Protein backbone atom coordinates (compact mmCIF):
# COMPACT_ATOMS: atom_id res chain seq x y z
CA UNK A 1 0.13 96.52 -17.22
CA UNK A 2 1.65 99.92 -16.69
CA UNK A 3 1.07 101.31 -13.24
CA UNK A 4 0.11 97.99 -11.64
CA UNK A 5 2.14 96.48 -8.81
CA UNK A 6 4.43 93.67 -9.80
CA UNK A 7 3.76 90.31 -8.17
CA UNK A 8 6.05 89.44 -5.31
CA UNK A 9 8.94 87.25 -6.40
CA UNK A 10 9.06 83.80 -4.90
CA UNK A 11 12.24 82.98 -2.97
CA UNK A 12 13.45 79.45 -3.55
CA UNK A 13 13.11 77.21 -0.51
CA UNK A 14 10.86 79.57 1.42
CA UNK A 15 7.13 78.97 1.50
CA UNK A 16 4.93 81.96 0.96
CA UNK A 17 2.67 83.08 3.81
CA UNK A 18 -0.94 82.16 2.95
CA UNK A 19 -3.44 84.94 2.71
CA UNK A 20 -5.46 85.54 5.87
CA UNK A 21 -9.01 84.30 5.61
CA UNK A 22 -11.87 86.62 6.33
CA UNK A 23 -14.54 85.92 8.92
CA UNK A 24 -16.89 84.66 6.24
CA UNK A 25 -14.25 82.15 5.04
CA UNK A 26 -13.47 80.75 8.48
CA UNK A 27 -14.30 77.04 8.66
CA UNK A 28 -17.13 75.89 10.83
CA UNK A 29 -16.18 74.41 14.19
CA UNK A 30 -19.15 72.03 14.43
CA UNK A 31 -20.61 69.17 12.48
CA UNK A 32 -24.38 68.69 12.58
CA UNK A 33 -25.66 65.14 11.95
CA UNK A 34 -29.21 64.23 10.94
CA UNK A 35 -30.00 60.54 10.64
CA UNK A 36 -32.40 59.65 7.81
CA UNK A 37 -32.80 56.01 8.83
CA UNK A 38 -36.18 54.37 8.91
CA UNK A 39 -38.30 55.79 11.77
CA UNK A 40 -35.22 57.37 13.36
CA UNK A 41 -34.58 61.09 12.69
CA UNK A 42 -31.90 61.32 15.42
CA UNK A 43 -29.93 64.60 15.65
CA UNK A 44 -26.57 65.27 17.23
CA UNK A 45 -23.72 67.80 17.03
CA UNK A 46 -19.98 67.16 17.53
CA UNK A 47 -16.78 69.20 17.44
CA UNK A 48 -15.22 69.32 13.98
CA UNK A 49 -11.60 68.81 15.05
CA UNK A 50 -12.19 65.83 17.34
CA UNK A 51 -14.40 63.54 15.31
CA UNK A 52 -14.91 62.01 11.89
CA UNK A 53 -17.24 63.64 9.38
CA UNK A 54 -19.08 60.30 9.06
CA UNK A 55 -20.54 58.66 12.15
CA UNK A 56 -22.82 55.79 13.11
CA UNK A 57 -26.23 56.66 14.59
CA UNK A 58 -26.56 55.32 18.14
CA UNK A 59 -30.28 54.64 17.67
CA UNK A 60 -30.54 52.74 14.40
CA UNK A 61 -26.93 52.05 13.33
CA UNK A 62 -27.14 53.94 10.02
CA UNK A 63 -24.11 55.79 8.62
CA UNK A 64 -24.60 59.57 8.68
CA UNK A 65 -22.44 62.28 7.08
CA UNK A 66 -22.10 65.51 9.08
CA UNK A 67 -22.84 68.96 7.69
CA UNK A 68 -20.50 71.84 8.67
CA UNK A 69 -22.17 74.28 11.02
CA UNK A 70 -20.97 77.52 12.59
CA UNK A 71 -22.85 76.91 15.80
CA UNK A 72 -25.76 75.04 17.30
CA UNK A 73 -27.50 77.93 19.04
CA UNK A 74 -28.10 81.57 18.14
CA UNK A 75 -29.94 84.27 20.05
CA UNK A 76 -31.26 87.57 18.70
CA UNK A 77 -33.54 90.40 19.81
CA UNK A 78 -36.92 90.80 18.14
CA UNK A 79 -37.29 94.57 17.94
CA UNK A 80 -40.85 94.45 16.56
CA UNK A 81 -42.26 92.03 19.14
CA UNK A 82 -41.34 94.09 22.21
CA UNK A 83 -44.27 94.79 24.56
CA UNK A 84 -44.83 96.71 27.75
CA UNK A 85 -44.23 93.50 29.69
CA UNK A 86 -40.68 93.05 28.41
CA UNK A 87 -38.30 92.63 25.50
CA UNK A 88 -38.54 89.54 23.30
CA UNK A 89 -35.52 87.41 22.41
CA UNK A 90 -35.50 84.47 20.00
CA UNK A 91 -33.21 81.50 20.51
CA UNK A 92 -32.64 79.54 17.30
CA UNK A 93 -31.60 75.89 17.49
CA UNK A 94 -30.13 74.03 14.55
CA UNK A 95 -32.11 70.95 15.50
CA UNK A 96 -35.76 70.27 14.82
CA UNK A 97 -37.87 69.98 17.94
CA UNK A 98 -40.66 67.44 18.21
CA UNK A 99 -44.12 68.55 19.43
CA UNK A 100 -43.53 66.58 22.63
CA UNK A 101 -40.70 68.85 23.83
CA UNK A 102 -41.10 69.48 27.55
CA UNK A 103 -41.62 73.27 27.41
CA UNK A 104 -41.87 73.78 31.17
CA UNK A 105 -38.71 71.78 31.80
CA UNK A 106 -36.90 73.71 29.08
CA UNK A 107 -38.05 77.02 30.57
CA UNK A 108 -36.88 76.05 34.06
CA UNK A 109 -33.42 75.15 32.80
CA UNK A 110 -33.13 78.31 30.71
CA UNK A 111 -34.17 80.45 33.68
CA UNK A 112 -31.60 78.72 35.88
CA UNK A 113 -28.90 79.29 33.27
CA UNK A 114 -29.72 83.00 32.77
CA UNK A 115 -29.85 83.70 36.49
CA UNK A 116 -26.60 81.85 37.14
CA UNK A 117 -24.89 83.89 34.42
CA UNK A 118 -26.17 87.18 35.81
CA UNK A 119 -25.29 86.09 39.34
CA UNK A 120 -21.73 85.25 38.28
CA UNK A 121 -21.19 88.62 36.60
CA UNK A 122 -22.91 90.63 39.32
CA UNK A 123 -20.39 89.46 41.92
CA UNK A 124 -17.88 91.89 40.40
CA UNK A 125 -20.13 94.79 41.47
CA UNK A 126 -19.70 93.93 45.15
CA UNK A 127 -17.47 95.90 47.47
CA UNK A 128 -14.41 93.79 46.57
CA UNK A 129 -15.57 93.17 43.01
CA UNK A 130 -12.73 95.06 41.29
CA UNK A 131 -10.09 92.96 43.04
CA UNK A 132 -11.92 89.74 42.14
CA UNK A 133 -12.31 90.80 38.51
CA UNK A 134 -8.58 91.56 38.14
CA UNK A 135 -7.73 88.19 39.66
CA UNK A 136 -10.24 86.41 37.41
CA UNK A 137 -8.87 88.03 34.26
CA UNK A 138 -5.36 87.07 35.30
CA UNK A 139 -6.33 83.40 35.55
CA UNK A 140 -7.47 82.90 39.14
CA UNK A 141 -10.28 80.39 39.58
CA UNK A 142 -13.57 81.53 41.06
CA UNK A 143 -16.60 79.57 42.20
CA UNK A 144 -18.75 78.61 39.22
CA UNK A 145 -16.17 79.37 36.48
CA UNK A 146 -15.94 75.80 35.19
CA UNK A 147 -16.15 75.75 31.39
CA UNK A 148 -16.34 79.52 31.06
CA UNK A 149 -14.55 81.58 28.39
CA UNK A 150 -12.81 84.56 30.01
CA UNK A 151 -12.85 86.63 26.83
CA UNK A 152 -16.58 86.09 26.42
CA UNK A 153 -17.03 87.03 30.07
CA UNK A 154 -15.18 90.28 29.37
CA UNK A 155 -17.73 91.16 26.68
CA UNK A 156 -20.57 90.07 28.96
CA UNK A 157 -19.13 92.26 31.68
CA UNK A 158 -19.11 95.23 29.28
CA UNK A 159 -22.81 94.66 28.52
CA UNK A 160 -23.56 94.37 32.23
CA UNK A 161 -21.81 97.68 32.85
CA UNK A 162 -24.04 99.32 30.25
CA UNK A 163 -27.16 97.96 31.96
CA UNK A 164 -26.03 99.08 35.42
CA UNK A 165 -25.06 102.52 34.06
CA UNK A 166 -28.48 102.93 32.45
CA UNK A 167 -30.26 101.98 35.68
CA UNK A 168 -28.15 104.41 37.70
CA UNK A 169 -29.04 107.23 35.31
CA UNK A 170 -32.66 106.19 34.75
CA UNK A 171 -34.01 108.76 37.20
CA UNK A 172 -32.28 111.64 35.37
CA UNK A 173 -33.03 110.43 31.83
CA UNK A 174 -36.71 109.87 32.70
CA UNK A 175 -36.80 106.25 31.53
CA UNK A 176 -37.71 104.95 35.02
CA UNK A 177 -38.82 106.37 38.34
CA UNK A 178 -36.20 106.63 41.07
CA UNK A 179 -37.67 103.99 43.37
CA UNK A 180 -38.40 101.63 40.47
CA UNK A 181 -34.86 101.93 39.11
CA UNK A 182 -33.32 101.23 42.53
CA UNK A 183 -35.54 98.17 43.05
CA UNK A 184 -34.63 96.77 39.64
CA UNK A 185 -30.94 97.53 40.13
CA UNK A 186 -30.94 95.74 43.48
CA UNK A 187 -32.62 92.66 41.95
CA UNK A 188 -30.18 92.61 39.02
CA UNK A 189 -27.14 92.73 41.30
CA UNK A 190 -28.59 89.73 43.18
CA UNK A 191 -28.89 87.78 39.94
CA UNK A 192 -32.69 88.03 39.78
CA UNK A 193 -34.58 88.75 36.56
CA UNK A 194 -37.67 87.68 34.64
CA UNK A 195 -37.21 85.19 31.81
CA UNK A 196 -40.22 83.26 30.49
CA UNK A 197 -40.83 81.19 27.37
CA UNK A 198 -43.86 82.63 25.56
CA UNK A 199 -44.88 79.51 23.63
CA UNK A 200 -43.78 76.01 22.76
CA UNK A 201 -40.71 75.75 20.50
CA UNK A 202 -41.65 76.30 16.85
CA UNK A 203 -40.36 74.20 13.99
CA UNK A 204 -38.45 76.00 11.25
CA UNK A 205 -36.83 74.98 8.02
CA UNK A 206 -33.37 74.81 9.54
CA UNK A 207 -34.17 73.97 13.14
CA UNK A 208 -36.36 75.26 15.93
CA UNK A 209 -37.18 78.64 17.45
CA UNK A 210 -37.68 79.38 21.15
CA UNK A 211 -39.30 82.76 21.89
CA UNK A 212 -38.77 84.21 25.36
CA UNK A 213 -39.61 87.42 27.18
CA UNK A 214 -37.00 89.31 29.23
CA UNK A 215 -37.55 91.98 31.88
CA UNK A 216 -36.17 93.23 35.17
CA UNK A 217 -37.30 91.80 38.46
CA UNK A 218 -38.13 94.03 41.45
CA UNK A 219 -36.46 93.62 44.84
CA UNK A 220 -38.54 94.78 47.80
CA UNK A 221 -35.64 95.08 50.25
CA UNK A 222 -33.56 97.85 48.63
CA UNK A 223 -30.21 98.93 50.07
CA UNK A 224 -29.77 102.63 50.92
CA UNK A 225 -28.13 104.69 48.16
CA UNK A 226 -27.76 101.59 46.01
CA UNK A 227 -27.49 103.63 42.80
CA UNK A 228 -24.63 105.79 44.14
CA UNK A 229 -22.72 102.74 45.40
CA UNK A 230 -23.21 100.82 42.16
CA UNK A 231 -22.15 103.84 40.08
CA UNK A 232 -18.93 104.29 42.11
CA UNK A 233 -18.03 100.61 41.69
CA UNK A 234 -18.92 100.83 38.00
CA UNK A 235 -16.47 103.67 37.39
CA UNK A 236 -13.66 101.74 39.10
CA UNK A 237 -14.47 98.65 37.05
CA UNK A 238 -14.45 100.56 33.77
CA UNK A 239 -11.02 101.99 34.50
CA UNK A 240 -9.69 98.49 35.01
CA UNK A 241 -11.54 97.08 32.01
CA UNK A 242 -10.26 99.84 29.71
CA UNK A 243 -6.74 98.49 30.26
CA UNK A 244 -7.26 94.74 30.67
CA UNK A 245 -10.01 94.18 28.09
CA UNK A 246 -9.02 96.70 25.43
CA UNK A 247 -8.04 94.13 22.79
CA UNK A 248 -11.13 92.00 23.37
CA UNK A 249 -13.48 94.98 23.20
CA UNK A 250 -11.79 96.45 20.13
CA UNK A 251 -12.05 93.11 18.34
CA UNK A 252 -15.76 92.94 19.16
CA UNK A 253 -16.27 96.61 18.18
CA UNK A 254 -18.39 97.50 21.18
CA UNK A 255 -20.17 100.86 20.90
CA UNK A 256 -20.86 102.55 24.23
CA UNK A 257 -22.19 105.76 22.70
CA UNK A 258 -25.21 104.08 21.13
CA UNK A 259 -25.82 102.14 24.36
CA UNK A 260 -26.25 105.38 26.30
CA UNK A 261 -29.34 106.23 24.21
CA UNK A 262 -31.16 102.92 24.76
CA UNK A 263 -33.70 101.98 27.41
CA UNK A 264 -32.33 99.84 30.28
CA UNK A 265 -34.62 96.99 29.31
CA UNK A 266 -33.28 96.99 25.76
CA UNK A 267 -29.75 96.84 27.10
CA UNK A 268 -30.78 93.92 29.32
CA UNK A 269 -32.12 92.01 26.31
CA UNK A 270 -28.91 92.78 24.43
CA UNK A 271 -26.87 91.36 27.31
CA UNK A 272 -29.06 88.24 27.48
CA UNK A 273 -28.68 87.66 23.74
CA UNK A 274 -24.90 87.72 24.17
CA UNK A 275 -24.78 84.83 26.65
CA UNK A 276 -23.03 81.60 25.76
CA UNK A 277 -26.24 79.79 24.86
CA UNK A 278 -24.45 76.77 23.49
CA UNK A 279 -23.14 76.07 26.97
CA UNK A 280 -26.46 77.08 28.52
CA UNK A 281 -28.45 74.38 26.75
CA UNK A 282 -25.78 71.75 27.21
CA UNK A 283 -28.25 69.80 29.40
CA UNK A 284 -30.51 69.40 26.37
CA UNK A 285 -28.04 69.46 23.46
CA UNK A 286 -24.40 69.02 24.50
CA UNK A 287 -21.32 68.82 22.28
CA UNK A 288 -22.09 65.18 21.58
CA UNK A 289 -25.61 66.11 20.60
CA UNK A 290 -27.37 64.07 23.26
CA UNK A 291 -30.74 65.68 23.98
CA UNK A 292 -31.82 64.51 27.44
CA UNK A 293 -35.19 66.23 27.17
CA UNK A 294 -36.13 64.70 23.84
CA UNK A 295 -34.38 61.37 24.42
CA UNK A 296 -37.15 58.86 25.03
CA UNK A 297 -34.71 56.43 26.63
CA UNK A 298 -33.57 58.98 29.24
CA UNK A 299 -37.15 59.91 30.10
CA UNK A 300 -38.14 56.24 30.29
CA UNK A 301 -35.24 55.30 32.56
CA UNK A 302 -35.40 58.47 34.63
CA UNK A 303 -31.62 58.91 34.26
CA UNK A 304 -28.92 59.55 31.65
CA UNK A 305 -28.98 56.68 29.16
CA UNK A 306 -25.25 57.13 28.41
CA UNK A 307 -24.36 55.85 31.91
CA UNK A 308 -25.01 52.23 30.87
CA UNK A 309 -24.82 51.80 27.08
CA UNK A 310 -25.65 48.09 27.04
CA UNK A 311 -28.74 48.55 29.21
CA UNK A 312 -29.88 51.51 27.11
CA UNK A 313 -29.62 49.46 23.92
CA UNK A 314 -31.77 46.74 25.47
CA UNK A 315 -34.35 49.38 26.45
CA UNK A 316 -34.45 50.85 22.92
CA UNK A 317 -34.98 47.43 21.40
CA UNK A 318 -37.75 46.65 23.89
CA UNK A 319 -39.47 49.99 23.33
CA UNK A 320 -39.56 49.47 19.56
CA UNK A 321 -41.37 46.16 20.08
CA UNK A 322 -44.12 47.71 22.22
CA UNK A 323 -47.46 48.17 20.44
CA UNK A 324 -48.09 51.36 22.44
CA UNK A 325 -47.17 53.21 25.62
CA UNK A 326 -50.80 53.38 26.77
CA UNK A 327 -53.00 50.33 27.37
CA UNK A 328 -56.60 49.85 28.42
CA UNK A 329 -58.76 47.07 29.86
CA UNK A 330 -62.45 46.77 30.72
CA UNK A 331 -64.16 45.56 33.90
CA UNK A 332 -67.75 45.34 35.18
CA UNK A 333 -68.73 45.83 38.84
CA UNK A 334 -72.04 44.61 40.26
CA UNK A 335 -73.71 44.94 43.66
CA UNK A 336 -77.10 44.02 45.04
CA UNK A 337 -79.28 46.76 46.42
CA UNK A 338 -77.85 50.30 46.32
CA UNK A 339 -77.28 51.65 42.82
CA UNK A 340 -75.69 54.96 43.80
CA UNK A 341 -72.29 54.04 42.41
CA UNK A 342 -70.61 57.41 42.99
CA UNK A 343 -71.18 57.34 46.73
CA UNK A 344 -70.49 53.59 47.04
CA UNK A 345 -67.48 53.02 44.77
CA UNK A 346 -66.05 56.53 44.38
CA UNK A 347 -63.52 56.30 47.21
CA UNK A 348 -62.63 52.73 46.27
CA UNK A 349 -61.87 53.50 42.65
CA UNK A 350 -60.01 56.72 43.49
CA UNK A 351 -57.89 54.84 46.04
CA UNK A 352 -56.98 52.13 43.54
CA UNK A 353 -56.18 54.67 40.81
CA UNK A 354 -53.81 56.62 43.06
CA UNK A 355 -52.10 53.66 44.75
CA UNK A 356 -48.38 53.43 44.16
CA UNK A 357 -47.54 50.84 41.53
CA UNK A 358 -51.11 50.77 40.15
CA UNK A 359 -51.60 54.39 39.04
CA UNK A 360 -54.17 54.59 36.30
CA UNK A 361 -57.01 56.67 34.90
CA UNK A 362 -60.46 55.13 35.36
CA UNK A 363 -63.53 55.92 33.27
CA UNK A 364 -66.68 54.83 35.15
CA UNK A 365 -70.09 54.62 33.48
CA UNK A 366 -73.14 53.38 35.47
CA UNK A 367 -75.51 51.19 33.42
CA UNK A 368 -78.49 48.93 34.08
CA UNK A 369 -76.36 45.78 34.40
CA UNK A 370 -73.71 47.36 36.66
CA UNK A 371 -70.84 49.81 36.72
CA UNK A 372 -68.71 49.57 33.57
CA UNK A 373 -65.08 50.53 34.09
CA UNK A 374 -62.35 51.24 31.58
CA UNK A 375 -58.82 51.55 32.98
CA UNK A 376 -55.95 53.35 31.19
CA UNK A 377 -52.27 53.14 32.13
CA UNK A 378 -48.95 51.59 31.15
CA UNK A 379 -48.92 47.80 30.93
CA UNK A 380 -47.52 46.95 34.37
CA UNK A 381 -49.56 49.49 36.36
CA UNK A 382 -52.72 48.57 34.45
CA UNK A 383 -52.40 44.90 35.38
CA UNK A 384 -51.66 45.77 39.01
CA UNK A 385 -54.69 48.08 39.24
CA UNK A 386 -57.06 45.47 37.83
CA UNK A 387 -55.63 42.75 40.09
CA UNK A 388 -55.89 45.04 43.11
CA UNK A 389 -59.55 45.80 42.40
CA UNK A 390 -60.34 42.10 42.01
CA UNK A 391 -58.45 41.25 45.20
CA UNK A 392 -60.31 43.86 47.24
CA UNK A 393 -63.65 42.56 45.98
CA UNK A 394 -62.65 38.97 46.79
CA UNK A 395 -61.40 39.82 50.29
CA UNK A 396 -64.58 41.73 51.09
CA UNK A 397 -66.54 38.46 51.05
CA UNK A 398 -64.57 37.26 54.08
CA UNK A 399 -64.53 39.43 57.20
CA UNK A 400 -60.81 40.13 57.20
CA UNK A 401 -59.06 43.20 58.52
CA UNK A 402 -58.51 44.58 55.00
CA UNK A 403 -62.26 44.49 54.32
CA UNK A 404 -63.14 46.38 57.48
CA UNK A 405 -60.75 49.34 57.33
CA UNK A 406 -59.39 51.66 54.64
CA UNK A 407 -60.25 51.26 50.97
CA UNK A 408 -61.19 47.61 51.43
CA UNK A 409 -64.23 48.56 53.52
CA UNK A 410 -65.77 50.25 50.47
CA UNK A 411 -65.57 47.00 48.50
CA UNK A 412 -67.91 45.01 50.76
CA UNK A 413 -70.59 43.30 48.71
CA UNK A 414 -68.89 44.15 45.39
CA UNK A 415 -68.60 41.63 42.55
CA UNK A 416 -65.99 42.31 39.83
CA UNK A 417 -65.89 40.63 36.41
CA UNK A 418 -62.68 40.89 34.39
CA UNK A 419 -61.92 38.92 31.24
CA UNK A 420 -58.16 39.63 31.53
CA UNK A 421 -57.92 41.10 28.06
CA UNK A 422 -56.01 44.20 27.08
CA UNK A 423 -55.97 46.69 24.21
CA UNK A 424 -53.28 49.10 23.02
CA UNK A 425 -54.36 52.72 22.59
CA UNK A 426 -52.99 53.85 19.24
CA UNK A 427 -54.45 57.37 19.27
CA UNK A 428 -53.02 58.90 22.45
CA UNK A 429 -53.86 62.53 21.44
CA UNK A 430 -57.44 61.41 20.86
CA UNK A 431 -57.45 59.82 24.32
CA UNK A 432 -56.37 63.13 25.86
CA UNK A 433 -59.04 65.02 23.93
CA UNK A 434 -61.89 62.64 24.55
CA UNK A 435 -61.34 61.65 28.16
CA UNK A 436 -58.76 63.78 29.90
CA UNK A 437 -60.14 67.08 28.56
CA UNK A 438 -63.61 66.24 29.84
CA UNK A 439 -65.46 65.65 26.55
CA UNK A 440 -67.77 62.75 25.64
CA UNK A 441 -69.82 63.22 28.78
CA UNK A 442 -66.93 62.83 31.19
CA UNK A 443 -66.76 66.02 33.26
CA UNK A 444 -63.46 66.76 34.96
CA UNK A 445 -63.98 67.86 38.54
CA UNK A 446 -60.28 68.10 39.37
CA UNK A 447 -57.12 67.69 37.38
CA UNK A 448 -55.57 65.69 40.23
CA UNK A 449 -58.48 63.22 40.25
CA UNK A 450 -57.83 59.98 38.41
CA UNK A 451 -61.51 59.00 38.22
CA UNK A 452 -63.85 60.22 35.47
CA UNK A 453 -67.61 59.62 35.83
CA UNK A 454 -69.52 59.39 32.56
CA UNK A 455 -73.30 59.77 32.76
CA UNK A 456 -74.01 59.44 29.05
CA UNK A 457 -74.01 56.38 26.82
CA UNK A 458 -71.52 57.88 24.35
CA UNK A 459 -68.61 55.52 23.73
CA UNK A 460 -65.08 56.81 23.51
CA UNK A 461 -63.97 57.25 19.93
CA UNK A 462 -60.48 55.84 20.44
CA UNK A 463 -58.46 53.78 18.01
CA UNK A 464 -57.42 50.65 19.93
CA UNK A 465 -56.05 47.31 18.86
CA UNK A 466 -56.22 44.00 20.76
CA UNK A 467 -53.02 42.82 22.44
CA UNK A 468 -52.17 39.15 22.78
CA UNK A 469 -51.50 37.77 26.24
CA UNK A 470 -47.82 37.12 25.41
CA UNK A 471 -47.33 40.66 24.08
CA UNK A 472 -48.97 42.12 27.19
CA UNK A 473 -46.73 40.02 29.41
CA UNK A 474 -43.67 41.27 27.51
CA UNK A 475 -44.84 44.87 27.81
CA UNK A 476 -45.34 44.36 31.56
CA UNK A 477 -41.80 43.01 31.84
CA UNK A 478 -40.37 46.00 29.95
CA UNK A 479 -42.16 48.59 32.07
CA UNK A 480 -41.54 46.74 35.32
CA UNK A 481 -37.81 46.27 34.68
CA UNK A 482 -36.82 49.61 33.21
CA UNK A 483 -39.49 52.30 33.69
CA UNK A 484 -38.87 54.93 36.36
CA UNK A 485 -41.69 57.49 36.27
CA UNK A 486 -41.70 58.48 39.95
CA UNK A 487 -44.99 59.90 41.26
CA UNK A 488 -46.93 59.68 37.99
CA UNK A 489 -50.20 60.72 39.56
C-alpha cells in the first residue's frame, strides 16, 4: 500500500529480535495444583521454572496437572468498607479454605509478619538510618533481610516515607491532632500497628478471602520533637532515594502528588497492601504449597509432617482408617446414702477430666438408679479416663493412701459400672451445639470446666455408631503413638 512502511528485510544468517511482550502477555511464574482425587482436594503451588506441570499428589497419589497462575496471594484496599476504626484490606488467596481454618492462629501470624515488615523498614528512620539504607541498597546484609527483595523494599520504603510525611504534616493539614499524630508516629517507627482479621476466611469461586482492619497504634511514651526529627531524617532519605531508587520508582510509576492529599491512615493501608504477602504467608502456604495450618497431619503430629515422610505416610493411612476423631463411652456410678452427686462427685469427676493423659469432657446426669456419665474424648484419653475412674473407685474400698488424700478421697464408697463399650461420634458439630454450647439442659458454668451437669432427662441428639473392640484398640494405638495435642484442656 502507498504510504505504509515497508517490512524490514531479513538478513540471511541473522535471527530477528523477537517482539517484546507486554505485561499482560508475560507468562505466569507459578503453577497451582488442585487434586480431584476421591476425598482428597489437596492444594499446592510450585514455581513454574523448577518443576513439572504434572505432579503426583502427596496425599492420595493421583496425577494432577498444574494451572498457570500469576501469584498465590493478592492484597487490595476496600475503599467502601472503611470505618472510623480503621481501613479495610482484603487478602485474596488462590486456594480454597476449609471452614476449620484456625482463624486466630492465622491472625497471629499475619500480625507478626506485618509488624516485622514495618519494624524492618522503620530502622532506616533512626539516627544512622540513611547510612544503613545506602549500605543495604548496595548489597550489605542486615539483620532480618533473609529472603527479601531489595527492589520491593525500595517501593515499600517509598510508601513508608509517604506515611511518615503525612503524620509529620497532620497537625497543619488538620487530619489529626498534634499529640495524636506524634503518638502514632512514635508507634509506627517502633514497628507497632493495629492489624486484626474481621471474620473467618470466606470461600470464593477462585480461592479464599481474608478481610482485615488496619490502623495506627498509639505509643504512650513519646519522644520530644519526634515529628521534627522524623521529618529531617525523611528529607535526607528522599534525597538518597531519588538517586538510588529512580529506576525502580519510575518503573512502578509511583505518584507522590496524589499521596499528599490522602489521609495518613489511607496511606498506611496502601503500604500494607504493597507488602510481599506471598512471603508473609509462607508458614501457611509456601512455594511447595504445604499448608501447615490446614494440614491435618501437621496438626495431629504437632510438628512439620515433611520432616519424616515415611512416618507421615503411616499417620495418613492410620487416620483414614479411623471411624472418627471423637469417641464416647457410658458409665454408671452408684453410692449408698447421700444422693447429692454434685457435692460428692463433682471434684472427683473434674479431677479425672483434667488429668494429663485422660483429658475428656464428662456429661453427668443424676437419675433414680445412680449417676449416669457419658465421657467424650479421643480414643486413648477416653480409655484412660474410664480406667482411672474405675481404679479410684476400686482403691477406695481398701484404706490405701490414694483413697485418703487428693481426688481418691472423694471416691470412697463409690461403685462404678462400665461395660467397656465405645461409640464413634459422627456428628461433631452437633456435639458442640448440644453439649459444649450448653443446650439440652446442660448449663455451662465455665468454659474451662470439663464437667457438664444435666438436670433434665433430655437425651443428646448425637449421631453415633458402635465401635468394635479391635477398632477401638487400633484407634488407641494411633492416638497414643502419633498424637501430640499438648495441654488439650
